[in-house]
Amino acid sequence: MRRIEELMEDMVRAIRRQIRAINRMSLNLTTQMDRVVSWVSMDQRQMMEHMRLSIIEEIVRRGDPSSVSSESEPVLSAPMIQPGTREGSHRRRGEPCAR
């Protein structure tokens, strides 16, 4: 009888561990979905402002004021990094982003 109780206690602990793991995954997914929803819900004006700020940050990071010679050039040369991702970190400097 004691052995059965021990096995049941072990099962309860295992189930609780699984529930905690599921809750962590759920929280991670919720956080990721919030990021996606905030990005998708941006209107065109907000998206253009975000792109403009990203371009300015990239120019400042590079320290190259000559890259602002035209409005379209920075868009083609600056890597587009979306919020919540590390996309673009593998590209070489000056290489256009893949579309």
N, C-alpha and C. Protein backbone atom coordinates (compact mmCIF):
# COMPACT_ATOMS: atom_id res chain seq x y z
N MET A 1 0.83 -1.20 0.00
CA MET A 1 0.00 0.00 0.00
C MET A 1 0.88 1.26 0.00
N ARG A 2 1.94 1.23 0.80
CA ARG A 2 2.86 2.37 0.87
C ARG A 2 3.50 2.64 -0.49
N ARG A 3 3.85 1.60 -1.20
CA ARG A 3 4.47 1.71 -2.52
C ARG A 3 3.52 2.39 -3.51
N ILE A 4 2.27 2.07 -3.45
CA ILE A 4 1.27 2.68 -4.33
C ILE A 4 1.17 4.18 -4.03
N GLU A 5 1.18 4.54 -2.75
CA GLU A 5 1.13 5.96 -2.38
C GLU A 5 2.36 6.71 -2.89
N GLU A 6 3.53 6.09 -2.80
CA GLU A 6 4.74 6.73 -3.29
C GLU A 6 4.69 6.93 -4.80
N LEU A 7 4.20 5.92 -5.50
CA LEU A 7 4.06 6.04 -6.95
C LEU A 7 3.08 7.15 -7.33
N MET A 8 1.99 7.23 -6.60
CA MET A 8 1.00 8.28 -6.87
C MET A 8 1.59 9.66 -6.59
N GLU A 9 2.37 9.80 -5.51
CA GLU A 9 3.02 11.08 -5.21
C GLU A 9 4.01 11.45 -6.31
N ASP A 10 4.76 10.46 -6.79
CA ASP A 10 5.69 10.70 -7.90
C ASP A 10 4.94 11.16 -9.15
N MET A 11 3.81 10.53 -9.42
CA MET A 11 3.01 10.92 -10.59
C MET A 11 2.48 12.34 -10.43
N VAL A 12 2.04 12.69 -9.24
CA VAL A 12 1.52 14.04 -8.99
C VAL A 12 2.64 15.06 -9.21
N ARG A 13 3.84 14.79 -8.70
CA ARG A 13 4.97 15.71 -8.89
C ARG A 13 5.30 15.84 -10.38
N ALA A 14 5.29 14.72 -11.09
CA ALA A 14 5.59 14.75 -12.53
C ALA A 14 4.54 15.57 -13.29
N ILE A 15 3.29 15.39 -12.92
CA ILE A 15 2.21 16.14 -13.58
C ILE A 15 2.36 17.63 -13.28
N ARG A 16 2.70 17.99 -12.05
CA ARG A 16 2.89 19.39 -11.69
C ARG A 16 4.06 20.01 -12.47
N ARG A 17 5.14 19.23 -12.65
CA ARG A 17 6.27 19.72 -13.46
C ARG A 17 5.83 19.99 -14.89
N GLN A 18 5.03 19.06 -15.43
CA GLN A 18 4.53 19.24 -16.80
C GLN A 18 3.63 20.47 -16.91
N ILE A 19 2.80 20.68 -15.91
CA ILE A 19 1.90 21.85 -15.93
C ILE A 19 2.73 23.13 -15.89
N ARG A 20 3.78 23.17 -15.05
CA ARG A 20 4.65 24.36 -15.00
C ARG A 20 5.33 24.58 -16.35
N ALA A 21 5.78 23.51 -16.98
CA ALA A 21 6.43 23.64 -18.29
C ALA A 21 5.44 24.17 -19.33
N ILE A 22 4.23 23.66 -19.30
CA ILE A 22 3.19 24.12 -20.24
C ILE A 22 2.88 25.60 -19.99
N ASN A 23 2.80 25.99 -18.72
CA ASN A 23 2.52 27.40 -18.41
C ASN A 23 3.64 28.31 -18.91
N ARG A 24 4.90 27.87 -18.78
CA ARG A 24 6.01 28.67 -19.31
C ARG A 24 5.91 28.80 -20.82
N MET A 25 5.62 27.69 -21.51
CA MET A 25 5.49 27.75 -22.97
C MET A 25 4.34 28.66 -23.37
N SER A 26 3.24 28.58 -22.64
CA SER A 26 2.09 29.42 -22.93
C SER A 26 2.44 30.90 -22.77
N LEU A 27 3.16 31.23 -21.71
CA LEU A 27 3.57 32.61 -21.50
C LEU A 27 4.48 33.08 -22.63
N ASN A 28 5.43 32.23 -23.05
CA ASN A 28 6.32 32.59 -24.15
C ASN A 28 5.53 32.82 -25.44
N LEU A 29 4.59 31.93 -25.71
CA LEU A 29 3.78 32.09 -26.93
C LEU A 29 2.93 33.36 -26.86
N THR A 30 2.38 33.64 -25.69
CA THR A 30 1.57 34.85 -25.53
C THR A 30 2.42 36.09 -25.78
N THR A 31 3.62 36.10 -25.24
CA THR A 31 4.52 37.24 -25.44
C THR A 31 4.85 37.40 -26.92
N GLN A 32 5.15 36.29 -27.61
CA GLN A 32 5.46 36.36 -29.03
C GLN A 32 4.25 36.84 -29.83
N MET A 33 3.07 36.34 -29.48
CA MET A 33 1.86 36.76 -30.20
C MET A 33 1.59 38.25 -29.98
N ASP A 34 1.84 38.75 -28.77
CA ASP A 34 1.66 40.18 -28.51
C ASP A 34 2.57 41.00 -29.41
N ARG A 35 3.80 40.54 -29.59
CA ARG A 35 4.73 41.25 -30.48
C ARG A 35 4.23 41.24 -31.91
N VAL A 36 3.76 40.09 -32.36
CA VAL A 36 3.26 39.97 -33.74
C VAL A 36 2.05 40.87 -33.93
N VAL A 37 1.13 40.83 -32.98
CA VAL A 37 -0.09 41.64 -33.09
C VAL A 37 0.25 43.12 -33.12
N SER A 38 1.20 43.55 -32.27
CA SER A 38 1.55 44.97 -32.26
C SER A 38 2.20 45.38 -33.58
N TRP A 39 3.00 44.49 -34.18
CA TRP A 39 3.62 44.79 -35.47
C TRP A 39 2.57 44.83 -36.57
N VAL A 40 1.67 43.85 -36.58
CA VAL A 40 0.66 43.77 -37.64
C VAL A 40 -0.34 44.92 -37.53
N SER A 41 -0.63 45.34 -36.29
CA SER A 41 -1.64 46.37 -36.11
C SER A 41 -1.12 47.79 -36.38
N MET A 42 0.17 47.91 -36.66
CA MET A 42 0.70 49.24 -37.00
C MET A 42 0.04 49.72 -38.29
N ASP A 43 -0.35 50.97 -38.30
CA ASP A 43 -0.85 51.51 -39.56
C ASP A 43 0.34 51.91 -40.42
N GLN A 44 0.06 52.31 -41.64
CA GLN A 44 1.15 52.59 -42.58
C GLN A 44 2.04 53.72 -42.10
N ARG A 45 1.45 54.74 -41.47
CA ARG A 45 2.23 55.86 -40.97
C ARG A 45 3.20 55.40 -39.88
N GLN A 46 2.71 54.57 -38.96
CA GLN A 46 3.58 54.07 -37.89
C GLN A 46 4.70 53.20 -38.46
N MET A 47 4.35 52.39 -39.47
CA MET A 47 5.35 51.51 -40.08
C MET A 47 6.43 52.34 -40.78
N MET A 48 6.02 53.39 -41.48
CA MET A 48 6.99 54.25 -42.15
C MET A 48 7.88 54.94 -41.12
N GLU A 49 7.30 55.39 -40.01
CA GLU A 49 8.08 56.03 -38.95
C GLU A 49 9.08 55.04 -38.35
N HIS A 50 8.63 53.81 -38.13
CA HIS A 50 9.53 52.78 -37.59
C HIS A 50 10.68 52.53 -38.57
N MET A 51 10.37 52.44 -39.86
CA MET A 51 11.41 52.22 -40.87
C MET A 51 12.38 53.39 -40.90
N ARG A 52 11.84 54.62 -40.83
CA ARG A 52 12.68 55.81 -40.84
C ARG A 52 13.65 55.80 -39.65
N LEU A 53 13.13 55.49 -38.46
CA LEU A 53 13.97 55.44 -37.27
C LEU A 53 15.02 54.34 -37.39
N SER A 54 14.64 53.19 -37.95
CA SER A 54 15.60 52.10 -38.14
C SER A 54 16.72 52.52 -39.08
N ILE A 55 16.36 53.25 -40.13
CA ILE A 55 17.36 53.72 -41.09
C ILE A 55 18.30 54.72 -40.42
N ILE A 56 17.73 55.65 -39.66
CA ILE A 56 18.56 56.64 -38.97
C ILE A 56 19.50 55.95 -37.98
N GLU A 57 18.97 54.99 -37.22
CA GLU A 57 19.81 54.26 -36.26
C GLU A 57 20.95 53.53 -36.97
N GLU A 58 20.66 52.95 -38.12
CA GLU A 58 21.69 52.24 -38.88
C GLU A 58 22.75 53.21 -39.40
N ILE A 59 22.33 54.37 -39.87
CA ILE A 59 23.28 55.36 -40.37
C ILE A 59 24.16 55.85 -39.23
N VAL A 60 23.56 56.13 -38.08
CA VAL A 60 24.33 56.58 -36.92
C VAL A 60 25.31 55.48 -36.48
N ARG A 61 24.84 54.24 -36.50
CA ARG A 61 25.69 53.13 -36.09
C ARG A 61 26.90 53.01 -37.02
N ARG A 62 26.66 53.18 -38.31
CA ARG A 62 27.75 53.07 -39.29
C ARG A 62 28.64 54.31 -39.28
N GLY A 63 28.06 55.46 -38.87
CA GLY A 63 28.82 56.70 -38.89
C GLY A 63 29.11 57.18 -40.30
N ASP A 64 28.19 56.94 -41.23
CA ASP A 64 28.40 57.27 -42.64
C ASP A 64 27.34 58.26 -43.11
N PRO A 65 27.58 59.59 -42.98
CA PRO A 65 26.57 60.57 -43.37
C PRO A 65 26.33 60.61 -44.88
N SER A 66 27.25 60.09 -45.69
CA SER A 66 27.06 60.13 -47.14
C SER A 66 25.94 59.19 -47.59
N SER A 67 25.53 58.25 -46.72
CA SER A 67 24.50 57.31 -47.13
C SER A 67 23.10 57.91 -47.09
N VAL A 68 22.97 59.19 -46.71
CA VAL A 68 21.67 59.85 -46.71
C VAL A 68 21.48 60.72 -47.94
N SER A 69 22.21 60.43 -49.01
CA SER A 69 22.17 61.26 -50.21
C SER A 69 20.79 61.27 -50.88
N SER A 70 20.04 60.18 -50.77
CA SER A 70 18.68 60.16 -51.33
C SER A 70 17.76 59.38 -50.40
N GLU A 71 16.48 59.60 -50.55
CA GLU A 71 15.51 58.92 -49.67
C GLU A 71 15.45 57.42 -49.90
N SER A 72 15.61 56.96 -51.15
CA SER A 72 15.45 55.54 -51.42
C SER A 72 16.71 54.73 -51.11
N GLU A 73 17.86 55.35 -51.16
CA GLU A 73 19.10 54.61 -50.95
C GLU A 73 19.20 53.95 -49.58
N PRO A 74 18.91 54.67 -48.46
CA PRO A 74 19.02 54.01 -47.15
C PRO A 74 18.07 52.82 -47.00
N VAL A 75 16.90 52.90 -47.61
CA VAL A 75 15.95 51.80 -47.51
C VAL A 75 16.54 50.54 -48.12
N LEU A 76 17.26 50.70 -49.24
CA LEU A 76 17.84 49.54 -49.91
C LEU A 76 19.09 49.03 -49.19
N SER A 77 19.84 49.93 -48.54
CA SER A 77 21.11 49.50 -47.95
C SER A 77 21.00 49.11 -46.48
N ALA A 78 20.02 49.65 -45.76
CA ALA A 78 19.91 49.34 -44.34
C ALA A 78 19.16 48.03 -44.14
N PRO A 79 19.70 47.13 -43.32
CA PRO A 79 18.96 45.88 -43.07
C PRO A 79 17.67 46.17 -42.30
N MET A 80 16.61 45.53 -42.70
CA MET A 80 15.33 45.73 -42.03
C MET A 80 15.24 44.73 -40.88
N ILE A 81 15.21 45.23 -39.68
CA ILE A 81 15.14 44.37 -38.50
C ILE A 81 13.77 44.56 -37.88
N GLN A 82 13.00 43.50 -37.83
CA GLN A 82 11.66 43.58 -37.27
C GLN A 82 11.74 43.48 -35.75
N PRO A 83 10.79 44.13 -35.05
CA PRO A 83 10.78 44.08 -33.59
C PRO A 83 10.73 42.64 -33.08
N GLY A 84 11.51 42.38 -32.08
CA GLY A 84 11.48 41.06 -31.45
C GLY A 84 12.27 39.98 -32.16
N THR A 85 13.03 40.35 -33.20
CA THR A 85 13.81 39.34 -33.91
C THR A 85 15.26 39.76 -33.95
N ARG A 86 16.13 38.84 -34.28
CA ARG A 86 17.54 39.16 -34.49
C ARG A 86 17.85 39.09 -35.97
N GLU A 87 16.81 39.15 -36.79
CA GLU A 87 16.99 39.09 -38.24
C GLU A 87 17.90 40.22 -38.69
N GLY A 88 18.76 39.94 -39.60
CA GLY A 88 19.63 40.96 -40.14
C GLY A 88 21.00 40.98 -39.52
N SER A 89 21.18 40.37 -38.38
CA SER A 89 22.47 40.42 -37.70
C SER A 89 23.53 39.61 -38.44
N HIS A 90 23.11 38.70 -39.30
CA HIS A 90 24.07 37.87 -40.02
C HIS A 90 24.53 38.50 -41.33
N ARG A 91 23.86 39.56 -41.77
CA ARG A 91 24.21 40.17 -43.06
C ARG A 91 25.45 41.05 -42.91
N ARG A 92 26.20 41.15 -44.00
CA ARG A 92 27.37 42.01 -44.01
C ARG A 92 26.94 43.46 -44.18
N ARG A 93 27.77 44.35 -43.74
CA ARG A 93 27.48 45.77 -43.83
C ARG A 93 27.27 46.18 -45.29
N GLY A 94 26.17 46.92 -45.54
CA GLY A 94 25.90 47.41 -46.88
C GLY A 94 25.16 46.44 -47.76
N GLU A 95 25.01 45.21 -47.31
CA GLU A 95 24.31 44.22 -48.13
C GLU A 95 22.80 44.46 -48.01
N PRO A 96 22.06 44.51 -49.14
CA PRO A 96 20.62 44.78 -49.05
C PRO A 96 19.88 43.62 -48.39
N CYS A 97 18.76 43.96 -47.78
CA CYS A 97 17.99 42.91 -47.12
C CYS A 97 17.27 42.04 -48.15
N ALA A 98 17.08 40.78 -47.81
CA ALA A 98 16.37 39.85 -48.71
C ALA A 98 14.88 40.13 -48.61
N ARG A 99 14.21 40.11 -49.72
CA ARG A 99 12.76 40.37 -49.69
C ARG A 99 12.01 39.14 -50.13
